[in-house]
């Protein structure tokens, strides 16, 4: 239990330093949002609000504002797979991708097969200086794939 408390304190200290380096004030709501996303990566806004409000008396709008500030500062990555709510994660800058279950909507990280960004080269760049390619894999998670009759599968648009 003591190790858990030490590691939680170390994570909070690291999060506070990340906020300072990004030029943001260290506040309890910001620390709690970062903690929630560390514990539950790929959470949508409602899930983040539930976790943070379970620990802190804060408004829905305050959590929205914190997510926006952390995203703008580059401390949080916002992803939005087609047909899904926006989700947030702390893991960023390592050129990883995501896999989304067509049935239950769960999201998992997938390491980039190439490793360097951008991992794909556009056939035509139209003069853009491309620095990132976002890849989303679609399929069924192990739980949904094991069901005798999979739940209806929404179709992801081809992009």
N, C-alpha and C. Protein backbone atom coordinates (compact mmCIF):
# COMPACT_ATOMS: atom_id res chain seq x y z
N UNK A 1 0.82 -1.19 0.00
CA UNK A 1 0.00 0.00 0.00
C UNK A 1 0.87 1.25 0.00
N UNK A 2 1.98 1.19 0.77
CA UNK A 2 2.87 2.34 0.83
C UNK A 2 3.48 2.62 -0.54
N UNK A 3 3.85 1.56 -1.29
CA UNK A 3 4.40 1.75 -2.63
C UNK A 3 3.39 2.42 -3.54
N UNK A 4 2.11 2.06 -3.41
CA UNK A 4 1.06 2.69 -4.20
C UNK A 4 0.99 4.18 -3.90
N UNK A 5 1.08 4.54 -2.63
CA UNK A 5 1.04 5.95 -2.24
C UNK A 5 2.25 6.69 -2.76
N UNK A 6 3.42 6.05 -2.71
CA UNK A 6 4.64 6.68 -3.21
C UNK A 6 4.54 6.88 -4.71
N UNK A 7 4.08 5.84 -5.43
CA UNK A 7 3.99 5.98 -6.89
C UNK A 7 2.92 6.99 -7.28
N UNK A 8 1.82 7.07 -6.53
CA UNK A 8 0.80 8.08 -6.81
C UNK A 8 1.35 9.47 -6.58
N UNK A 9 2.11 9.64 -5.52
CA UNK A 9 2.73 10.95 -5.24
C UNK A 9 3.74 11.31 -6.32
N UNK A 10 4.49 10.31 -6.77
CA UNK A 10 5.47 10.56 -7.84
C UNK A 10 4.77 10.95 -9.13
N UNK A 11 3.65 10.27 -9.45
CA UNK A 11 2.89 10.61 -10.66
C UNK A 11 2.34 12.02 -10.57
N UNK A 12 1.84 12.39 -9.39
CA UNK A 12 1.29 13.74 -9.22
C UNK A 12 2.39 14.79 -9.34
N UNK A 13 3.56 14.52 -8.79
CA UNK A 13 4.69 15.44 -8.91
C UNK A 13 5.09 15.60 -10.37
N UNK A 14 5.14 14.48 -11.10
CA UNK A 14 5.48 14.53 -12.52
C UNK A 14 4.43 15.31 -13.31
N UNK A 15 3.16 15.08 -12.99
CA UNK A 15 2.09 15.81 -13.68
C UNK A 15 2.18 17.30 -13.40
N UNK A 16 2.46 17.66 -12.16
CA UNK A 16 2.60 19.07 -11.80
C UNK A 16 3.75 19.71 -12.58
N UNK A 17 4.85 18.98 -12.72
CA UNK A 17 5.98 19.51 -13.48
C UNK A 17 5.63 19.66 -14.96
N UNK A 18 4.89 18.71 -15.51
CA UNK A 18 4.46 18.81 -16.91
C UNK A 18 3.59 20.05 -17.11
N UNK A 19 2.70 20.31 -16.16
CA UNK A 19 1.86 21.51 -16.25
C UNK A 19 2.72 22.77 -16.23
N UNK A 20 3.68 22.83 -15.32
CA UNK A 20 4.55 24.01 -15.23
C UNK A 20 5.34 24.22 -16.52
N UNK A 21 5.92 23.15 -17.04
CA UNK A 21 6.72 23.23 -18.26
C UNK A 21 5.86 23.71 -19.43
N UNK A 22 4.59 23.31 -19.43
CA UNK A 22 3.67 23.73 -20.50
C UNK A 22 3.15 25.15 -20.29
N UNK A 23 3.53 25.77 -19.18
CA UNK A 23 3.10 27.14 -18.91
C UNK A 23 1.72 27.22 -18.28
N UNK A 24 1.25 26.12 -17.70
CA UNK A 24 -0.07 26.10 -17.07
C UNK A 24 0.08 26.09 -15.55
N UNK A 25 -0.86 26.74 -14.90
CA UNK A 25 -0.88 26.70 -13.43
C UNK A 25 -1.22 25.29 -12.98
N UNK A 26 -0.64 24.90 -11.87
CA UNK A 26 -0.93 23.60 -11.28
C UNK A 26 -2.17 23.78 -10.41
N UNK A 27 -3.26 23.13 -10.82
CA UNK A 27 -4.51 23.20 -10.06
C UNK A 27 -4.99 21.79 -9.78
N UNK A 28 -5.79 21.63 -8.76
CA UNK A 28 -6.33 20.32 -8.42
C UNK A 28 -7.15 19.75 -9.58
N UNK A 29 -8.05 20.52 -10.25
CA UNK A 29 -8.79 19.93 -11.38
C UNK A 29 -7.87 19.43 -12.49
N UNK A 30 -6.83 20.17 -12.80
CA UNK A 30 -5.91 19.72 -13.86
C UNK A 30 -5.19 18.44 -13.44
N UNK A 31 -4.74 18.38 -12.21
CA UNK A 31 -4.08 17.18 -11.73
C UNK A 31 -5.03 15.98 -11.73
N UNK A 32 -6.27 16.20 -11.33
CA UNK A 32 -7.24 15.10 -11.29
C UNK A 32 -7.62 14.61 -12.68
N UNK A 33 -7.71 15.51 -13.65
CA UNK A 33 -7.99 15.07 -15.03
C UNK A 33 -6.82 14.25 -15.56
N UNK A 34 -5.61 14.70 -15.30
CA UNK A 34 -4.44 13.94 -15.76
C UNK A 34 -4.38 12.58 -15.07
N UNK A 35 -4.72 12.55 -13.79
CA UNK A 35 -4.76 11.28 -13.05
C UNK A 35 -5.82 10.34 -13.64
N UNK A 36 -6.99 10.88 -13.92
CA UNK A 36 -8.07 10.07 -14.49
C UNK A 36 -7.65 9.47 -15.82
N UNK A 37 -6.98 10.26 -16.66
CA UNK A 37 -6.57 9.76 -17.97
C UNK A 37 -5.40 8.78 -17.88
N UNK A 38 -4.60 8.91 -16.85
CA UNK A 38 -3.53 7.94 -16.62
C UNK A 38 -4.13 6.60 -16.23
N UNK A 39 -5.15 6.66 -15.38
CA UNK A 39 -5.80 5.43 -14.91
C UNK A 39 -6.72 4.81 -15.96
N UNK A 40 -7.35 5.64 -16.77
CA UNK A 40 -8.33 5.17 -17.76
C UNK A 40 -8.08 5.83 -19.12
N UNK A 41 -7.04 5.37 -19.83
CA UNK A 41 -6.78 5.95 -21.14
C UNK A 41 -7.96 5.72 -22.09
N UNK A 42 -8.09 6.60 -23.05
CA UNK A 42 -9.13 6.55 -24.07
C UNK A 42 -10.52 6.83 -23.51
N UNK A 43 -10.59 7.57 -22.42
CA UNK A 43 -11.88 7.93 -21.82
C UNK A 43 -12.53 9.05 -22.61
N UNK A 44 -13.87 8.98 -22.70
CA UNK A 44 -14.59 10.11 -23.28
C UNK A 44 -14.82 11.14 -22.18
N UNK A 45 -15.36 12.29 -22.55
CA UNK A 45 -15.53 13.38 -21.60
C UNK A 45 -16.39 12.97 -20.41
N UNK A 46 -17.48 12.27 -20.67
CA UNK A 46 -18.38 11.86 -19.58
C UNK A 46 -17.65 10.98 -18.57
N UNK A 47 -16.82 10.07 -19.04
CA UNK A 47 -16.08 9.19 -18.13
C UNK A 47 -15.07 9.98 -17.31
N UNK A 48 -14.42 10.95 -17.93
CA UNK A 48 -13.46 11.79 -17.20
C UNK A 48 -14.20 12.59 -16.13
N UNK A 49 -15.35 13.15 -16.51
CA UNK A 49 -16.15 13.91 -15.54
C UNK A 49 -16.54 13.03 -14.35
N UNK A 50 -17.00 11.81 -14.62
CA UNK A 50 -17.39 10.90 -13.54
C UNK A 50 -16.24 10.63 -12.58
N UNK A 51 -15.07 10.34 -13.13
CA UNK A 51 -13.92 10.02 -12.28
C UNK A 51 -13.51 11.25 -11.47
N UNK A 52 -13.38 12.39 -12.13
CA UNK A 52 -12.91 13.59 -11.44
C UNK A 52 -13.92 14.03 -10.38
N UNK A 53 -15.21 13.99 -10.72
CA UNK A 53 -16.22 14.42 -9.75
C UNK A 53 -16.35 13.44 -8.59
N UNK A 54 -15.88 12.23 -8.75
CA UNK A 54 -15.85 11.29 -7.64
C UNK A 54 -14.76 11.63 -6.62
N UNK A 55 -13.85 12.49 -7.02
CA UNK A 55 -12.72 12.85 -6.16
C UNK A 55 -12.71 14.32 -5.75
N UNK A 56 -13.45 15.12 -6.51
CA UNK A 56 -13.32 16.56 -6.36
C UNK A 56 -14.65 17.22 -6.70
N UNK A 57 -15.03 18.23 -5.95
CA UNK A 57 -16.26 18.97 -6.24
C UNK A 57 -15.94 19.99 -7.34
N UNK A 58 -16.28 19.64 -8.56
CA UNK A 58 -15.95 20.47 -9.72
C UNK A 58 -17.10 20.38 -10.72
N UNK A 59 -17.30 21.44 -11.48
CA UNK A 59 -18.39 21.46 -12.45
C UNK A 59 -18.02 20.69 -13.72
N UNK A 60 -19.05 20.30 -14.46
CA UNK A 60 -18.83 19.68 -15.77
C UNK A 60 -18.01 20.62 -16.64
N UNK A 61 -18.38 21.90 -16.64
CA UNK A 61 -17.70 22.87 -17.50
C UNK A 61 -16.23 22.99 -17.15
N UNK A 62 -15.90 22.90 -15.86
CA UNK A 62 -14.50 22.98 -15.46
C UNK A 62 -13.70 21.82 -16.06
N UNK A 63 -14.28 20.63 -16.08
CA UNK A 63 -13.58 19.48 -16.66
C UNK A 63 -13.42 19.67 -18.17
N UNK A 64 -14.47 20.14 -18.84
CA UNK A 64 -14.36 20.45 -20.28
C UNK A 64 -13.23 21.45 -20.52
N UNK A 65 -13.19 22.50 -19.69
CA UNK A 65 -12.16 23.53 -19.85
C UNK A 65 -10.76 22.96 -19.63
N UNK A 66 -10.62 22.11 -18.62
CA UNK A 66 -9.32 21.49 -18.34
C UNK A 66 -8.90 20.61 -19.51
N UNK A 67 -9.81 19.79 -20.03
CA UNK A 67 -9.48 18.94 -21.18
C UNK A 67 -9.02 19.79 -22.36
N UNK A 68 -9.71 20.90 -22.60
CA UNK A 68 -9.32 21.79 -23.69
C UNK A 68 -7.94 22.40 -23.47
N UNK A 69 -7.69 22.86 -22.25
CA UNK A 69 -6.39 23.47 -21.95
C UNK A 69 -5.26 22.45 -22.05
N UNK A 70 -5.48 21.24 -21.54
CA UNK A 70 -4.44 20.22 -21.60
C UNK A 70 -4.19 19.76 -23.03
N UNK A 71 -5.25 19.69 -23.83
CA UNK A 71 -5.09 19.33 -25.24
C UNK A 71 -4.34 20.42 -25.98
N UNK A 72 -4.74 21.66 -25.78
CA UNK A 72 -4.07 22.79 -26.43
C UNK A 72 -2.60 22.87 -26.06
N UNK A 73 -2.27 22.51 -24.81
CA UNK A 73 -0.89 22.57 -24.34
C UNK A 73 -0.08 21.34 -24.78
N UNK A 74 -0.74 20.36 -25.40
CA UNK A 74 -0.03 19.17 -25.87
C UNK A 74 0.22 18.13 -24.79
N UNK A 75 -0.44 18.28 -23.64
CA UNK A 75 -0.27 17.30 -22.56
C UNK A 75 -1.23 16.14 -22.69
N UNK A 76 -2.29 16.33 -23.42
CA UNK A 76 -3.31 15.31 -23.64
C UNK A 76 -3.56 15.23 -25.14
N UNK A 77 -3.79 14.03 -25.61
CA UNK A 77 -4.11 13.81 -27.02
C UNK A 77 -5.60 13.50 -27.14
N UNK A 78 -6.26 14.17 -28.06
CA UNK A 78 -7.68 13.95 -28.33
C UNK A 78 -7.78 13.11 -29.58
N UNK A 79 -8.49 12.01 -29.51
CA UNK A 79 -8.73 11.17 -30.68
C UNK A 79 -10.24 11.05 -30.87
N UNK A 80 -10.66 10.91 -32.11
CA UNK A 80 -12.09 10.74 -32.36
C UNK A 80 -12.29 9.80 -33.54
N UNK A 81 -12.31 8.50 -33.24
CA UNK A 81 -12.58 7.55 -34.31
C UNK A 81 -13.95 7.82 -34.95
N UNK A 82 -14.06 7.56 -36.22
CA UNK A 82 -15.31 7.81 -36.95
C UNK A 82 -16.49 7.19 -36.22
N UNK A 83 -17.54 7.97 -36.05
CA UNK A 83 -18.75 7.48 -35.41
C UNK A 83 -18.66 7.37 -33.90
N UNK A 84 -17.57 7.85 -33.30
CA UNK A 84 -17.37 7.74 -31.86
C UNK A 84 -17.28 9.12 -31.22
N UNK A 85 -17.48 9.14 -29.92
CA UNK A 85 -17.25 10.36 -29.16
C UNK A 85 -15.75 10.63 -29.10
N UNK A 86 -15.39 11.87 -28.87
CA UNK A 86 -13.99 12.21 -28.67
C UNK A 86 -13.49 11.50 -27.42
N UNK A 87 -12.28 11.03 -27.48
CA UNK A 87 -11.65 10.36 -26.35
C UNK A 87 -10.31 11.01 -26.10
N UNK A 88 -9.81 10.84 -24.89
CA UNK A 88 -8.58 11.52 -24.50
C UNK A 88 -7.60 10.52 -23.90
N UNK A 89 -6.31 10.82 -24.08
CA UNK A 89 -5.27 9.99 -23.51
C UNK A 89 -4.06 10.84 -23.18
N UNK A 90 -3.31 10.37 -22.20
CA UNK A 90 -2.07 11.04 -21.81
C UNK A 90 -0.94 10.65 -22.75
N UNK A 91 -0.93 9.40 -23.20
CA UNK A 91 0.14 8.91 -24.06
C UNK A 91 0.14 9.69 -25.37
N UNK A 92 1.26 10.32 -25.67
CA UNK A 92 1.35 11.13 -26.88
C UNK A 92 2.81 11.22 -27.31
N UNK A 93 3.04 11.63 -28.54
CA UNK A 93 4.38 11.86 -29.02
C UNK A 93 5.19 10.61 -29.32
N UNK A 94 4.56 9.44 -29.28
CA UNK A 94 5.31 8.21 -29.56
C UNK A 94 4.85 7.54 -30.85
N UNK A 95 4.05 8.25 -31.63
CA UNK A 95 3.59 7.77 -32.93
C UNK A 95 2.88 6.42 -32.84
N UNK A 96 2.01 6.27 -31.86
CA UNK A 96 1.22 5.04 -31.78
C UNK A 96 -0.14 5.28 -32.43
N UNK A 97 -0.83 4.20 -32.71
CA UNK A 97 -2.13 4.26 -33.36
C UNK A 97 -3.16 3.58 -32.46
N UNK A 98 -4.35 3.37 -33.00
CA UNK A 98 -5.44 2.80 -32.19
C UNK A 98 -6.19 1.73 -32.95
N UNK A 99 -6.76 0.80 -32.19
CA UNK A 99 -7.66 -0.19 -32.74
C UNK A 99 -8.99 -0.03 -32.01
N UNK A 100 -10.08 -0.04 -32.76
CA UNK A 100 -11.41 0.21 -32.21
C UNK A 100 -12.29 -1.01 -32.48
N UNK A 101 -12.98 -1.45 -31.45
CA UNK A 101 -13.92 -2.57 -31.61
C UNK A 101 -15.20 -2.04 -32.26
N UNK A 102 -15.59 -2.66 -33.35
CA UNK A 102 -16.81 -2.25 -34.06
C UNK A 102 -18.07 -2.54 -33.26
N UNK A 103 -18.00 -3.45 -32.30
CA UNK A 103 -19.17 -3.84 -31.55
C UNK A 103 -19.35 -3.01 -30.28
N UNK A 104 -18.36 -3.04 -29.39
CA UNK A 104 -18.52 -2.35 -28.10
C UNK A 104 -17.87 -0.99 -28.05
N UNK A 105 -17.04 -0.66 -29.04
CA UNK A 105 -16.41 0.65 -29.08
C UNK A 105 -15.15 0.78 -28.26
N UNK A 106 -14.65 -0.31 -27.66
CA UNK A 106 -13.43 -0.21 -26.88
C UNK A 106 -12.27 0.20 -27.78
N UNK A 107 -11.29 0.87 -27.18
CA UNK A 107 -10.14 1.38 -27.92
C UNK A 107 -8.87 0.89 -27.24
N UNK A 108 -7.90 0.47 -28.03
CA UNK A 108 -6.60 0.05 -27.49
C UNK A 108 -5.49 0.69 -28.32
N UNK A 109 -4.34 0.86 -27.69
CA UNK A 109 -3.17 1.39 -28.39
C UNK A 109 -2.52 0.31 -29.24
N UNK A 110 -1.99 0.71 -30.38
CA UNK A 110 -1.26 -0.18 -31.27
C UNK A 110 0.05 0.52 -31.63
N UNK A 111 1.19 -0.10 -31.36
CA UNK A 111 2.45 0.53 -31.74
C UNK A 111 2.53 0.69 -33.26
N UNK A 112 3.17 1.73 -33.68
CA UNK A 112 3.35 1.96 -35.12
C UNK A 112 4.29 0.90 -35.67
N UNK A 113 3.93 0.32 -36.81
CA UNK A 113 4.76 -0.71 -37.43
C UNK A 113 6.05 -0.13 -37.97
N UNK A 114 6.03 1.15 -38.32
CA UNK A 114 7.20 1.80 -38.90
C UNK A 114 8.04 2.47 -37.82
N UNK A 115 7.39 3.14 -36.90
CA UNK A 115 8.10 3.76 -35.79
C UNK A 115 8.33 5.24 -35.92
N UNK A 116 8.59 5.75 -37.10
CA UNK A 116 8.89 7.17 -37.27
C UNK A 116 7.69 7.89 -37.88
N UNK A 117 7.44 9.09 -37.42
CA UNK A 117 6.33 9.89 -37.96
C UNK A 117 6.82 10.69 -39.15
N UNK A 118 6.03 10.88 -40.17
CA UNK A 118 4.78 10.17 -40.39
C UNK A 118 5.08 8.77 -40.90
N UNK A 119 4.26 7.83 -40.47
CA UNK A 119 4.53 6.44 -40.80
C UNK A 119 4.04 6.06 -42.20
N UNK A 120 3.28 6.94 -42.81
CA UNK A 120 2.80 6.71 -44.17
C UNK A 120 3.21 7.90 -45.03
N UNK A 121 3.50 7.65 -46.28
CA UNK A 121 3.81 8.73 -47.20
C UNK A 121 2.60 8.95 -48.10
N UNK A 122 2.15 10.20 -48.20
CA UNK A 122 1.02 10.53 -49.07
C UNK A 122 1.48 10.49 -50.52
N UNK A 123 0.63 9.97 -51.38
CA UNK A 123 0.97 9.94 -52.80
C UNK A 123 1.06 11.36 -53.35
N UNK A 124 0.23 12.25 -52.83
CA UNK A 124 0.26 13.67 -53.22
C UNK A 124 0.15 14.49 -51.94
N UNK A 125 1.14 15.33 -51.67
CA UNK A 125 1.11 16.10 -50.43
C UNK A 125 0.52 17.50 -50.61
N UNK A 126 0.20 17.91 -51.83
CA UNK A 126 -0.41 19.20 -52.12
C UNK A 126 0.36 20.36 -51.50
N UNK A 127 1.66 20.19 -51.32
CA UNK A 127 2.49 21.24 -50.77
C UNK A 127 2.53 21.30 -49.25
N UNK A 128 1.82 20.40 -48.59
CA UNK A 128 1.80 20.38 -47.12
C UNK A 128 3.12 19.79 -46.60
N UNK A 129 3.54 20.24 -45.45
CA UNK A 129 4.66 19.64 -44.74
C UNK A 129 4.06 18.63 -43.75
N UNK A 130 3.89 17.41 -44.19
CA UNK A 130 3.21 16.38 -43.39
C UNK A 130 4.13 15.91 -42.27
N UNK A 131 3.60 15.92 -41.04
CA UNK A 131 4.41 15.49 -39.90
C UNK A 131 3.76 14.35 -39.11
N UNK A 132 2.56 13.94 -39.51
CA UNK A 132 1.87 12.88 -38.79
C UNK A 132 0.86 12.19 -39.70
N UNK A 133 0.70 10.90 -39.50
CA UNK A 133 -0.36 10.14 -40.16
C UNK A 133 -1.10 9.39 -39.06
N UNK A 134 -2.41 9.49 -39.05
CA UNK A 134 -3.20 8.82 -38.03
C UNK A 134 -3.81 7.56 -38.62
N UNK A 135 -3.54 6.45 -37.96
CA UNK A 135 -4.05 5.16 -38.42
C UNK A 135 -5.00 4.63 -37.36
N UNK A 136 -6.18 4.21 -37.79
CA UNK A 136 -7.12 3.56 -36.88
C UNK A 136 -7.49 2.21 -37.49
N UNK A 137 -7.22 1.17 -36.73
CA UNK A 137 -7.59 -0.18 -37.14
C UNK A 137 -8.98 -0.47 -36.58
N UNK A 138 -9.78 -1.21 -37.30
CA UNK A 138 -11.13 -1.57 -36.87
C UNK A 138 -11.26 -3.08 -36.85
N UNK A 139 -11.97 -3.59 -35.88
CA UNK A 139 -12.20 -5.03 -35.78
C UNK A 139 -13.07 -5.33 -34.58
N UNK A 140 -12.97 -6.54 -34.07
CA UNK A 140 -13.71 -6.94 -32.88
C UNK A 140 -12.70 -7.25 -31.77
N UNK A 141 -12.97 -6.74 -30.57
CA UNK A 141 -12.13 -7.04 -29.42
C UNK A 141 -12.30 -8.52 -29.08
N UNK A 142 -11.41 -9.10 -28.29
CA UNK A 142 -11.52 -10.52 -27.96
C UNK A 142 -12.86 -10.91 -27.33
N UNK A 143 -13.40 -10.05 -26.47
CA UNK A 143 -14.69 -10.37 -25.82
C UNK A 143 -15.81 -10.43 -26.85
N UNK A 144 -15.87 -9.43 -27.72
CA UNK A 144 -16.95 -9.40 -28.73
C UNK A 144 -16.76 -10.49 -29.78
N UNK A 145 -15.52 -10.78 -30.13
CA UNK A 145 -15.26 -11.82 -31.13
C UNK A 145 -15.64 -13.20 -30.61
N UNK A 146 -15.60 -13.37 -29.28
CA UNK A 146 -15.92 -14.68 -28.68
C UNK A 146 -17.42 -14.92 -28.53
N UNK A 147 -18.22 -13.87 -28.72
CA UNK A 147 -19.67 -14.05 -28.59
C UNK A 147 -20.18 -14.93 -29.73
N UNK A 148 -21.16 -15.79 -29.44
CA UNK A 148 -21.70 -16.66 -30.49
C UNK A 148 -22.29 -15.84 -31.65
N UNK A 149 -23.00 -14.78 -31.32
CA UNK A 149 -23.56 -13.91 -32.35
C UNK A 149 -23.11 -12.49 -32.05
N UNK A 150 -22.13 -11.97 -32.81
CA UNK A 150 -21.66 -10.62 -32.53
C UNK A 150 -22.76 -9.60 -32.63
N UNK A 151 -22.68 -8.59 -31.80
CA UNK A 151 -23.60 -7.47 -31.85
C UNK A 151 -23.44 -6.80 -33.21
N UNK A 152 -24.52 -6.18 -33.72
CA UNK A 152 -24.43 -5.55 -35.04
C UNK A 152 -23.22 -4.64 -35.10
N UNK A 153 -22.54 -4.70 -36.21
CA UNK A 153 -21.29 -3.99 -36.37
C UNK A 153 -21.48 -2.72 -37.17
N UNK A 154 -21.26 -1.54 -36.54
CA UNK A 154 -21.33 -0.31 -37.31
C UNK A 154 -20.20 -0.30 -38.33
N UNK A 155 -20.44 0.29 -39.44
CA UNK A 155 -19.44 0.36 -40.48
C UNK A 155 -18.65 1.65 -40.36
N UNK A 156 -17.36 1.53 -40.32
CA UNK A 156 -16.51 2.72 -40.28
C UNK A 156 -16.30 3.21 -41.70
N UNK A 157 -16.35 4.51 -41.90
CA UNK A 157 -16.11 5.03 -43.24
C UNK A 157 -14.67 4.77 -43.67
N UNK A 158 -14.48 4.55 -44.95
CA UNK A 158 -13.15 4.37 -45.48
C UNK A 158 -12.55 5.73 -45.69
N UNK A 159 -11.41 5.95 -45.05
CA UNK A 159 -10.73 7.24 -45.18
C UNK A 159 -9.33 7.07 -45.64
